[in-house]
Amino acid sequence: MIKSKLLAILKVLSEEEMQYLQAFLNSPYFHQTAVGEDEHKLFDYLHRQHPEFEEKLMAKESVYREVYPKTDYIKGKLEKRMTYLLKRVRQFMVLEELKQEGNEFVQTEQLARFYRRKGLQHLYEVHLGSWQKSRADLKAKDTADLLHDYLMQREIAEYKSLYNSRRHDNNLVNSHEALDNFYLSSKLEYACALVSQSNFHSEVDLHNSLQFLTELESLLKDENNTQLPLVKVFAHIYFTLQELQATGMVELSSCEALEAILDEYESYLPFDLLKSFQAYNRSFYAHYSNTGHQSFRAKIFSLYQEHLEKGFLFYHGGLTPSVYQNIVNLGLDLKQHEWVLNFLQQYQSMIVGTRFPETIYALNMANYHFSTQHYDQALDLLLHDQEDLYYQIAARRMEIKIYYEQESVLLSPKINAFHLFLRRLSKKKIPESQRKSNFNFVNAIKQILLPKTFNNPERITKLQEKIEANPMIKDKRWLLEKLTRMNRKPSV
């Protein structure tokens, strides 16, 4: 019994929720038969054991004696009562979910359906008028709102079909339009997420998933077909992602166009969705900056600062490791050391989305110490194990950079160890793009360290041009900085 579905649900309920559940089960609605009494006894016993549910007290024989103290154990009898109780608990769960914020539209649709089924035409019309007014006042809509619009338009079509005078379209046009809006926005939302995810997971199959949407691309590119703000924004993001997939680059015009669209439709987009769109906005500018337009890093950093202030960067009340690290990296590249240190300390306790936020903080603080040339302090922090593979890789690269700056005898062994580490990584664990960009870092540092590079301005310049032209290389700015410094050193 300890592994039953019933206990799995009850374990996650708070004591307050258990009391609400008890009141729900105590309703006379559930006590018309003796079966209801049995369920009541079973729940009372389980409530007393909540939330620990000790295994010995949850043995079927022990529970059976509590529910049926004067009868011999009958196999299957308790299981039947548990099944009935589970059914009631699920009913309670559904009702509780309906009460949650954001589920009002479900109640609206269900009430309309009730009025229609019972032939309450006047109440239906009043209810419909209230709904239409509330939707007219709602400017910001997400895909859930569009789904509600479609379901209600479909419900209205069902209602009008009951009184079909053959002089109207029975709301079929509105239903069709609402379905198009919901389908296109949802399809584009998932398509954007899929293309983005494919950059981190090599097993994502884009061809089959996006094949149908490919057939609609010509329609989506026609602005007459993308008047809905949500569809317009998603379509622009989708085509920019496609551009990035095909060429490895993002045009500045695509970045500026998305920023303009978001500014234009900000009041028409729910806050959570706007946060997601602004993340794409930052990402596109970052891709543009990384393909030979480093001056735009200041633009990206200002976006992060603005979005931090507006709350666009927060997820479940905190900052994800990737956002936290992106802000730190940009700030350090721009020599904003004081601002970065304040940021690191202020948001240290607000890192979410990882089981080991302290290691994320340690890696980023190590990056700060590296940037301020406190190399030993940075190395001490890198002793922390990193939870995420990408952070393990970042820590290894930083270690190599530190040993380079210190001219340590450990540099060559660390480079070789990192190279071997990358070769042994399964393709299922890291996409080819990430593997290649790290291999390119290793190859670049090896080229820099070759004896023929020293005091050879021509070779140094060729290496600079090669690294600058490569869009897939980690720590590009640091590598170029090392080569520039070598070029400035006087010949011996």
Protein backbone atom coordinates (compact mmCIF):
# COMPACT_ATOMS: atom_id res chain seq x y z
CA MET A 1 0.00 0.00 0.00
CA ILE A 2 2.94 2.30 0.67
CA LYS A 3 3.55 2.54 -3.11
CA SER A 4 -0.09 3.14 -4.05
CA LYS A 5 -1.27 6.08 -6.16
CA LEU A 6 -3.50 7.17 -3.28
CA LEU A 7 -0.60 7.63 -0.84
CA ALA A 8 1.58 9.23 -3.51
CA ILE A 9 -1.03 11.98 -3.86
CA LEU A 10 -1.76 12.39 -0.14
CA LYS A 11 1.96 12.71 0.67
CA VAL A 12 2.29 15.94 -1.32
CA LEU A 13 -0.76 17.62 0.24
CA SER A 14 -0.25 20.12 3.04
CA GLU A 15 -2.14 19.76 6.31
CA GLU A 16 -4.42 22.60 5.26
CA GLU A 17 -5.20 20.79 2.01
CA MET A 18 -5.86 17.57 3.92
CA GLN A 19 -8.41 19.39 6.06
CA TYR A 20 -10.10 20.80 2.95
CA LEU A 21 -10.13 17.29 1.50
CA GLN A 22 -11.68 15.94 4.68
CA ALA A 23 -14.44 18.56 4.51
CA PHE A 24 -14.97 17.64 0.85
CA LEU A 25 -15.31 13.93 1.71
CA ASN A 26 -17.57 14.67 4.69
CA SER A 27 -20.12 16.25 2.39
CA PRO A 28 -23.48 14.39 2.53
CA TYR A 29 -23.13 13.97 -1.21
CA PHE A 30 -20.68 11.13 -0.53
CA HIS A 31 -22.54 9.45 2.33
CA GLN A 32 -25.61 8.00 0.68
CA THR A 33 -24.29 4.42 1.00
CA ALA A 34 -22.21 2.31 3.35
CA VAL A 35 -19.37 2.54 0.86
CA GLY A 36 -19.04 6.23 1.69
CA GLU A 37 -18.66 5.39 5.39
CA ASP A 38 -15.86 2.94 4.63
CA GLU A 39 -14.04 5.54 2.61
CA HIS A 40 -14.48 8.01 5.45
CA LYS A 41 -12.91 5.58 7.95
CA LEU A 42 -10.05 4.86 5.58
CA PHE A 43 -9.32 8.54 5.05
CA ASP A 44 -9.49 9.30 8.79
CA TYR A 45 -6.82 6.69 9.43
CA LEU A 46 -4.62 7.92 6.59
CA HIS A 47 -5.04 11.50 7.79
CA ARG A 48 -3.72 10.51 11.22
CA GLN A 49 -0.61 9.00 9.61
CA HIS A 50 -0.05 11.95 7.25
CA PRO A 51 2.53 12.92 6.08
CA GLU A 52 5.01 10.28 7.32
CA PHE A 53 2.98 7.19 6.39
CA GLU A 54 5.28 4.77 8.22
CA GLU A 55 5.62 1.56 6.27
CA LYS A 56 4.61 -0.77 9.12
CA LEU A 57 1.45 1.27 9.74
CA MET A 58 0.64 1.20 6.03
CA ALA A 59 0.67 -2.60 5.74
CA LYS A 60 -2.63 -3.71 4.22
CA GLU A 61 -3.51 -5.89 7.23
CA SER A 62 -2.96 -2.98 9.66
CA VAL A 63 -5.07 -0.58 7.60
CA TYR A 64 -7.76 -3.22 7.13
CA ARG A 65 -8.13 -3.66 10.92
CA GLU A 66 -8.69 0.08 11.30
CA VAL A 67 -11.38 0.21 8.62
CA TYR A 68 -13.03 -3.16 9.43
CA PRO A 69 -12.17 -3.86 13.09
CA LYS A 70 -14.77 -6.62 13.59
CA THR A 71 -14.31 -8.64 10.41
CA ASP A 72 -11.70 -11.07 9.15
CA TYR A 73 -9.32 -9.94 6.44
CA ILE A 74 -10.80 -10.36 2.96
CA LYS A 75 -8.37 -9.99 0.10
CA GLY A 76 -9.39 -7.27 -2.37
CA LYS A 77 -11.91 -5.55 -0.11
CA LEU A 78 -9.55 -2.81 1.06
CA GLU A 79 -8.21 -2.31 -2.47
CA LYS A 80 -11.75 -1.61 -3.68
CA ARG A 81 -12.26 1.05 -0.98
CA MET A 82 -8.90 2.60 -1.90
CA THR A 83 -9.97 2.80 -5.54
CA TYR A 84 -13.21 4.58 -4.61
CA LEU A 85 -11.37 6.97 -2.28
CA LEU A 86 -8.79 7.70 -4.98
CA LYS A 87 -11.62 8.62 -7.34
CA ARG A 88 -12.98 11.13 -4.77
CA VAL A 89 -9.50 12.53 -4.14
CA ARG A 90 -9.06 13.11 -7.87
CA GLN A 91 -12.40 14.93 -7.98
CA PHE A 92 -11.13 17.15 -5.17
CA MET A 93 -7.88 17.80 -7.07
CA VAL A 94 -9.77 18.86 -10.19
CA LEU A 95 -11.97 21.27 -8.22
CA GLU A 96 -8.91 22.74 -6.48
CA GLU A 97 -7.20 23.28 -9.82
CA LEU A 98 -10.31 25.03 -11.17
CA LYS A 99 -9.99 27.49 -8.30
CA GLN A 100 -6.41 28.38 -9.26
CA GLU A 101 -5.72 31.73 -10.87
CA GLY A 102 -5.77 31.48 -14.65
CA ASN A 103 -8.41 28.74 -14.81
CA GLU A 104 -11.38 31.07 -14.84
CA PHE A 105 -11.85 30.43 -18.56
CA VAL A 106 -12.52 26.74 -17.89
CA GLN A 107 -15.33 27.67 -15.52
CA THR A 108 -16.70 30.13 -18.09
CA GLU A 109 -16.84 27.47 -20.80
CA GLN A 110 -18.32 24.81 -18.52
CA LEU A 111 -21.04 27.15 -17.29
CA ALA A 112 -21.95 28.08 -20.86
CA ARG A 113 -22.18 24.40 -21.74
CA PHE A 114 -24.47 23.79 -18.74
CA TYR A 115 -26.83 26.62 -19.76
CA ARG A 116 -26.94 25.29 -23.32
CA ARG A 117 -27.65 21.69 -22.33
CA LYS A 118 -30.42 22.75 -19.97
CA GLY A 119 -32.03 25.07 -22.50
CA LEU A 120 -31.54 28.21 -20.36
CA GLN A 121 -31.39 30.55 -23.33
CA HIS A 122 -31.72 33.83 -21.42
CA LEU A 123 -29.00 32.93 -18.91
CA TYR A 124 -26.79 31.76 -21.79
CA GLU A 125 -27.13 35.09 -23.58
CA VAL A 126 -26.37 37.06 -20.39
CA HIS A 127 -23.35 34.84 -19.68
CA LEU A 128 -22.15 35.22 -23.27
CA GLY A 129 -22.48 39.01 -23.11
CA SER A 130 -20.36 39.14 -19.94
CA TRP A 131 -17.70 36.95 -21.54
CA GLN A 132 -17.57 39.04 -24.71
CA LYS A 133 -17.14 42.23 -22.67
CA SER A 134 -14.31 40.70 -20.60
CA ARG A 135 -12.52 39.56 -23.78
CA ALA A 136 -12.89 42.98 -25.36
CA ASP A 137 -11.17 44.52 -22.33
CA LEU A 138 -8.30 41.98 -22.50
CA LYS A 139 -5.46 43.38 -24.60
CA ALA A 140 -2.62 41.03 -23.67
CA LYS A 141 -3.24 37.46 -24.84
CA ASP A 142 -1.08 34.35 -24.74
CA THR A 143 -1.69 30.95 -26.35
CA ALA A 144 -3.85 29.85 -23.40
CA ASP A 145 -6.12 32.85 -23.99
CA LEU A 146 -6.33 32.01 -27.68
CA LEU A 147 -7.28 28.43 -26.80
CA HIS A 148 -10.04 29.78 -24.57
CA ASP A 149 -11.25 32.03 -27.40
CA TYR A 150 -11.44 29.05 -29.74
CA LEU A 151 -13.23 26.79 -27.25
CA MET A 152 -15.78 29.50 -26.50
CA GLN A 153 -16.34 30.29 -30.18
CA ARG A 154 -16.89 26.57 -30.75
CA GLU A 155 -19.34 26.48 -27.84
CA ILE A 156 -21.22 29.46 -29.31
CA ALA A 157 -21.38 27.62 -32.65
CA GLU A 158 -22.94 24.63 -30.85
CA TYR A 159 -25.47 26.96 -29.21
CA LYS A 160 -26.39 28.76 -32.45
CA SER A 161 -26.83 25.45 -34.28
CA LEU A 162 -29.76 24.71 -31.94
CA TYR A 163 -31.60 27.73 -33.34
CA ASN A 164 -30.35 27.52 -36.93
CA SER A 165 -32.46 29.83 -39.11
CA ARG A 166 -30.17 29.29 -42.13
CA ARG A 167 -29.72 33.05 -42.34
CA HIS A 168 -26.42 33.15 -40.41
CA ASP A 169 -23.13 31.23 -40.38
CA ASN A 170 -23.82 29.83 -36.87
CA ASN A 171 -20.54 31.38 -35.67
CA LEU A 172 -18.51 29.06 -37.90
CA VAL A 173 -16.42 31.93 -39.31
CA ASN A 174 -15.44 33.14 -35.84
CA SER A 175 -14.69 29.57 -34.77
CA HIS A 176 -12.47 29.02 -37.80
CA GLU A 177 -10.59 32.29 -37.25
CA ALA A 178 -10.10 31.56 -33.55
CA LEU A 179 -8.77 28.09 -34.39
CA ASP A 180 -6.29 29.57 -36.88
CA ASN A 181 -5.04 32.06 -34.29
CA PHE A 182 -4.61 29.40 -31.62
CA TYR A 183 -3.03 26.82 -33.93
CA LEU A 184 -0.56 29.19 -35.59
CA SER A 185 0.59 30.77 -32.33
CA SER A 186 0.96 27.38 -30.60
CA LYS A 187 2.72 25.77 -33.57
CA LEU A 188 5.14 28.68 -33.82
CA GLU A 189 5.76 28.72 -30.08
CA TYR A 190 6.73 25.03 -30.08
CA ALA A 191 8.73 25.43 -33.30
CA CYS A 192 10.82 28.23 -31.79
CA ALA A 193 11.43 26.17 -28.66
CA LEU A 194 12.40 23.12 -30.75
CA VAL A 195 14.91 25.00 -32.89
CA SER A 196 16.42 26.61 -29.78
CA GLN A 197 16.60 23.27 -27.99
CA SER A 198 18.37 21.68 -30.95
CA ASN A 199 21.37 23.92 -30.23
CA PHE A 200 21.88 22.07 -26.95
CA HIS A 201 20.53 18.58 -27.69
CA SER A 202 21.77 16.95 -30.85
CA GLU A 203 19.02 14.30 -30.87
CA VAL A 204 16.20 16.77 -31.55
CA ASP A 205 14.58 15.84 -34.90
CA LEU A 206 13.66 19.15 -36.53
CA HIS A 207 12.77 17.86 -39.98
CA ASN A 208 9.75 15.77 -39.01
CA SER A 209 8.59 18.22 -36.34
CA LEU A 210 8.68 21.29 -38.59
CA GLN A 211 7.70 19.72 -41.91
CA PHE A 212 4.07 20.90 -41.79
CA LEU A 213 5.05 24.39 -40.67
CA THR A 214 7.40 24.64 -43.65
CA GLU A 215 4.35 24.44 -45.90
CA LEU A 216 2.92 27.52 -44.17
CA GLU A 217 6.04 29.69 -44.36
CA SER A 218 4.93 31.63 -47.44
CA LEU A 219 1.66 32.52 -45.69
CA LEU A 220 3.44 33.55 -42.49
CA LYS A 221 5.78 35.87 -44.39
CA ASP A 222 2.75 37.78 -45.70
CA GLU A 223 2.00 40.45 -43.08
CA ASN A 224 -1.68 40.35 -44.04
CA ASN A 225 -1.83 36.86 -42.52
CA THR A 226 0.02 37.78 -39.30
CA GLN A 227 -2.00 40.65 -37.92
CA LEU A 228 -2.33 39.04 -34.47
CA PRO A 229 0.55 40.42 -32.33
CA LEU A 230 1.35 37.00 -30.86
CA VAL A 231 1.59 35.33 -34.27
CA LYS A 232 3.59 38.23 -35.69
CA VAL A 233 6.21 38.05 -32.92
CA PHE A 234 6.49 34.25 -32.99
CA ALA A 235 6.78 34.26 -36.80
CA HIS A 236 9.62 36.78 -36.73
CA ILE A 237 11.48 34.78 -34.06
CA TYR A 238 10.95 31.54 -35.98
CA PHE A 239 12.35 32.92 -39.25
CA THR A 240 15.33 34.44 -37.42
CA LEU A 241 16.05 31.07 -35.81
CA GLN A 242 15.82 29.44 -39.24
CA GLU A 243 18.27 32.03 -40.55
CA LEU A 244 20.63 31.21 -37.70
CA GLN A 245 20.33 27.45 -38.31
CA ALA A 246 21.06 27.83 -42.02
CA THR A 247 23.94 30.33 -41.92
CA GLY A 248 25.24 30.34 -38.35
CA MET A 249 24.62 34.10 -38.33
CA VAL A 250 21.92 36.63 -37.49
CA GLU A 251 21.55 39.87 -39.43
CA LEU A 252 21.46 43.12 -37.49
CA SER A 253 18.22 44.00 -39.28
CA SER A 254 16.57 40.89 -37.77
CA CYS A 255 17.66 41.92 -34.27
CA GLU A 256 16.45 45.49 -34.66
CA ALA A 257 13.16 44.39 -36.22
CA LEU A 258 12.36 42.09 -33.27
CA GLU A 259 13.24 44.82 -30.78
CA ALA A 260 10.93 47.23 -32.64
CA ILE A 261 8.08 44.68 -32.73
CA LEU A 262 8.40 44.03 -28.99
CA ASP A 263 8.36 47.76 -28.25
CA GLU A 264 5.28 48.20 -30.46
CA TYR A 265 3.29 45.32 -28.98
CA GLU A 266 4.52 45.35 -25.39
CA SER A 267 1.07 46.24 -24.04
CA TYR A 268 -0.50 43.38 -26.06
CA LEU A 269 1.75 40.67 -24.62
CA PRO A 270 1.39 39.03 -21.19
CA PHE A 271 4.37 39.65 -18.93
CA ASP A 272 5.59 36.03 -18.82
CA LEU A 273 5.46 35.76 -22.60
CA LEU A 274 7.21 39.10 -22.99
CA LYS A 275 10.01 37.73 -20.79
CA SER A 276 10.44 34.83 -23.19
CA PHE A 277 10.47 37.11 -26.22
CA GLN A 278 13.06 39.40 -24.63
CA ALA A 279 15.27 36.35 -24.03
CA TYR A 280 15.19 35.68 -27.79
CA ASN A 281 15.95 39.36 -28.36
CA ARG A 282 19.09 39.19 -26.20
CA SER A 283 20.13 35.89 -27.78
CA PHE A 284 19.93 37.25 -31.34
CA TYR A 285 22.00 40.32 -30.47
CA ALA A 286 24.53 37.98 -28.82
CA HIS A 287 24.80 35.88 -32.00
CA TYR A 288 25.29 39.03 -34.06
CA SER A 289 27.96 40.27 -31.68
CA ASN A 290 29.80 36.93 -31.78
CA THR A 291 30.17 37.06 -35.57
CA GLY A 292 32.61 39.93 -35.77
CA HIS A 293 30.59 42.74 -34.18
CA GLN A 294 32.04 42.86 -30.70
CA SER A 295 31.06 46.51 -30.22
CA PHE A 296 27.47 45.32 -29.73
CA ARG A 297 28.40 43.67 -26.43
CA ALA A 298 27.76 47.01 -24.74
CA LYS A 299 24.27 47.01 -26.29
CA ILE A 300 23.60 43.49 -24.99
CA PHE A 301 24.87 44.38 -21.51
CA SER A 302 22.57 47.39 -21.39
CA LEU A 303 19.67 45.10 -22.36
CA TYR A 304 20.52 42.77 -19.48
CA GLN A 305 20.67 45.69 -17.05
CA GLU A 306 17.34 47.05 -18.32
CA HIS A 307 15.67 43.62 -18.23
CA LEU A 308 17.04 42.92 -14.76
CA GLU A 309 15.41 46.12 -13.54
CA LYS A 310 12.10 45.34 -15.29
CA GLY A 311 12.00 41.77 -13.94
CA PHE A 312 12.30 40.08 -17.36
CA LEU A 313 15.23 37.93 -16.22
CA PHE A 314 13.60 36.27 -13.22
CA TYR A 315 12.37 32.68 -13.31
CA HIS A 316 10.52 31.31 -10.28
CA GLY A 317 11.77 34.27 -8.28
CA GLY A 318 15.43 33.94 -9.22
CA LEU A 319 18.03 33.86 -11.99
CA THR A 320 18.95 30.73 -13.92
CA PRO A 321 22.65 29.77 -14.11
CA SER A 322 22.88 30.73 -17.79
CA VAL A 323 21.43 34.21 -17.22
CA TYR A 324 23.61 34.72 -14.14
CA GLN A 325 26.74 33.75 -16.09
CA ASN A 326 25.85 35.77 -19.19
CA ILE A 327 25.55 38.95 -17.13
CA VAL A 328 28.86 38.29 -15.39
CA ASN A 329 30.72 37.50 -18.64
CA LEU A 330 29.42 40.59 -20.41
CA GLY A 331 30.17 42.87 -17.48
CA LEU A 332 33.71 41.55 -17.11
CA ASP A 333 34.39 41.85 -20.85
CA LEU A 334 33.36 45.50 -20.60
CA LYS A 335 35.56 46.00 -17.50
CA GLN A 336 32.52 46.77 -15.31
CA HIS A 337 34.22 45.08 -12.36
CA GLU A 338 32.60 47.00 -9.52
CA TRP A 339 29.10 46.55 -10.99
CA VAL A 340 29.72 42.82 -11.54
CA LEU A 341 30.98 42.27 -8.00
CA ASN A 342 27.87 43.97 -6.58
CA PHE A 343 25.69 41.85 -8.87
CA LEU A 344 27.43 38.60 -7.86
CA GLN A 345 26.93 39.31 -4.18
CA GLN A 346 23.41 40.75 -4.43
CA TYR A 347 21.98 37.80 -6.40
CA GLN A 348 24.08 34.98 -4.90
CA SER A 349 21.09 33.61 -2.99
CA MET A 350 18.76 33.94 -5.97
CA ILE A 351 20.28 31.34 -8.33
CA VAL A 352 17.55 28.86 -9.32
CA GLY A 353 17.22 25.92 -11.68
CA THR A 354 20.14 23.96 -10.22
CA ARG A 355 20.64 21.71 -7.21
CA PHE A 356 24.03 23.30 -6.49
CA PRO A 357 23.73 27.09 -6.75
CA GLU A 358 26.88 27.49 -4.65
CA THR A 359 28.99 25.93 -7.40
CA ILE A 360 27.50 28.28 -10.00
CA TYR A 361 28.33 31.21 -7.75
CA ALA A 362 31.87 29.86 -7.23
CA LEU A 363 32.51 29.51 -10.98
CA ASN A 364 31.31 33.03 -11.69
CA MET A 365 33.24 34.48 -8.77
CA ALA A 366 36.31 32.65 -10.11
CA ASN A 367 35.68 34.38 -13.43
CA TYR A 368 35.60 37.72 -11.62
CA HIS A 369 38.93 37.03 -9.87
CA PHE A 370 40.43 35.90 -13.19
CA SER A 371 39.35 39.14 -14.83
CA THR A 372 40.90 41.17 -12.01
CA GLN A 373 44.10 39.06 -12.26
CA HIS A 374 43.72 37.38 -8.85
CA TYR A 375 44.56 34.01 -10.36
CA ASP A 376 45.20 32.00 -7.19
CA GLN A 377 41.83 33.04 -5.77
CA ALA A 378 40.20 31.99 -9.02
CA LEU A 379 41.91 28.59 -8.94
CA ASP A 380 40.78 27.97 -5.37
CA LEU A 381 37.16 28.47 -6.42
CA LEU A 382 37.55 26.13 -9.40
CA LEU A 383 38.15 23.23 -7.03
CA HIS A 384 34.37 23.03 -6.64
CA ASP A 385 32.71 20.26 -8.67
CA GLN A 386 30.31 21.55 -11.28
CA GLU A 387 26.87 19.95 -11.63
CA ASP A 388 26.30 20.77 -15.29
CA LEU A 389 28.50 19.48 -18.10
CA TYR A 390 28.67 22.93 -19.71
CA TYR A 391 29.97 24.41 -16.46
CA GLN A 392 32.53 21.60 -16.14
CA ILE A 393 33.79 22.55 -19.58
CA ALA A 394 33.82 26.27 -18.75
CA ALA A 395 35.80 25.58 -15.56
CA ARG A 396 38.40 23.57 -17.50
CA ARG A 397 38.81 26.37 -20.04
CA MET A 398 39.26 28.92 -17.28
CA GLU A 399 41.87 26.73 -15.63
CA ILE A 400 43.83 26.66 -18.90
CA LYS A 401 43.60 30.45 -19.21
CA ILE A 402 44.87 30.91 -15.66
CA TYR A 403 47.86 28.64 -16.22
CA TYR A 404 48.61 30.52 -19.44
CA GLU A 405 48.62 33.85 -17.61
CA GLN A 406 50.84 32.39 -14.88
CA GLU A 407 53.15 30.76 -17.45
CA SER A 408 52.74 27.57 -15.44
CA VAL A 409 54.41 24.25 -16.32
CA LEU A 410 50.94 22.72 -15.81
CA LEU A 411 49.55 24.49 -18.88
CA SER A 412 50.48 21.87 -21.50
CA PRO A 413 49.20 18.87 -19.45
CA LYS A 414 45.93 20.71 -18.75
CA ILE A 415 45.41 21.46 -22.45
CA ASN A 416 46.02 17.82 -23.37
CA ALA A 417 43.71 16.61 -20.59
CA PHE A 418 40.93 18.94 -21.78
CA HIS A 419 41.41 17.78 -25.38
CA LEU A 420 41.08 14.15 -24.28
CA PHE A 421 38.03 15.01 -22.15
CA LEU A 422 36.29 16.53 -25.18
CA ARG A 423 37.14 13.55 -27.41
CA ARG A 424 35.65 11.12 -24.89
CA LEU A 425 32.39 13.02 -24.55
CA SER A 426 29.43 11.17 -26.02
CA LYS A 427 27.67 12.96 -28.87
CA LYS A 428 24.46 12.41 -26.93
CA LYS A 429 25.76 14.60 -24.10
CA ILE A 430 26.85 17.62 -26.11
CA PRO A 431 25.81 18.97 -29.54
CA GLU A 432 28.37 19.03 -32.29
CA SER A 433 28.38 22.85 -32.32
CA GLN A 434 29.43 22.98 -28.67
CA ARG A 435 32.03 20.26 -29.12
CA LYS A 436 33.49 22.03 -32.16
CA SER A 437 33.68 25.45 -30.48
CA ASN A 438 35.61 23.96 -27.56
CA PHE A 439 37.92 21.96 -29.85
CA ASN A 440 38.59 25.19 -31.75
CA PHE A 441 39.59 26.85 -28.48
CA VAL A 442 42.05 24.03 -27.76
CA ASN A 443 43.50 24.17 -31.27
CA ALA A 444 43.86 27.96 -31.11
CA ILE A 445 45.71 27.93 -27.80
CA LYS A 446 48.01 25.19 -29.13
CA GLN A 447 48.78 27.31 -32.21
CA ILE A 448 49.52 30.33 -30.02
CA LEU A 449 51.95 28.30 -27.90
CA LEU A 450 53.94 26.93 -30.83
CA PRO A 451 57.51 28.32 -30.81
CA LYS A 452 57.15 29.54 -34.42
CA THR A 453 54.37 31.91 -33.32
CA PHE A 454 56.63 33.96 -31.02
CA ASN A 455 58.26 37.00 -32.60
CA ASN A 456 56.44 36.23 -35.86
CA PRO A 457 54.07 39.16 -36.59
CA GLU A 458 52.96 37.68 -39.90
CA ARG A 459 51.90 34.39 -38.33
CA ILE A 460 50.27 36.17 -35.39
CA THR A 461 48.21 38.31 -37.78
CA LYS A 462 47.11 35.23 -39.73
CA LEU A 463 46.04 33.53 -36.49
CA GLN A 464 44.10 36.65 -35.47
CA GLU A 465 42.27 36.71 -38.79
CA LYS A 466 41.50 33.01 -38.59
CA ILE A 467 40.10 33.27 -35.05
CA GLU A 468 38.18 36.45 -35.84
CA ALA A 469 36.52 34.82 -38.85
CA ASN A 470 35.51 31.69 -36.91
CA PRO A 471 32.00 32.05 -35.41
CA MET A 472 32.38 28.78 -33.48
CA ILE A 473 35.17 29.28 -30.97
CA LYS A 474 35.03 29.69 -27.21
CA ASP A 475 36.72 32.59 -25.39
CA LYS A 476 37.42 34.32 -28.70
CA ARG A 477 38.04 37.72 -27.13
CA TRP A 478 40.61 36.33 -24.72
CA LEU A 479 42.46 34.49 -27.51
CA LEU A 480 42.57 37.62 -29.68
CA GLU A 481 43.76 39.64 -26.71
CA LYS A 482 46.68 37.22 -26.19
CA LEU A 483 47.69 37.49 -29.85
CA THR A 484 47.44 41.29 -29.79
CA ARG A 485 49.67 41.38 -26.72
CA MET A 486 52.21 39.11 -28.44
CA ASN A 487 52.32 41.45 -31.41
CA ARG A 488 53.10 44.40 -29.13
CA LYS A 489 56.02 42.69 -27.39
CA PRO A 490 59.36 43.92 -28.67
CA SER A 491 61.52 41.39 -30.48
CA VAL A 492 64.35 39.94 -28.43
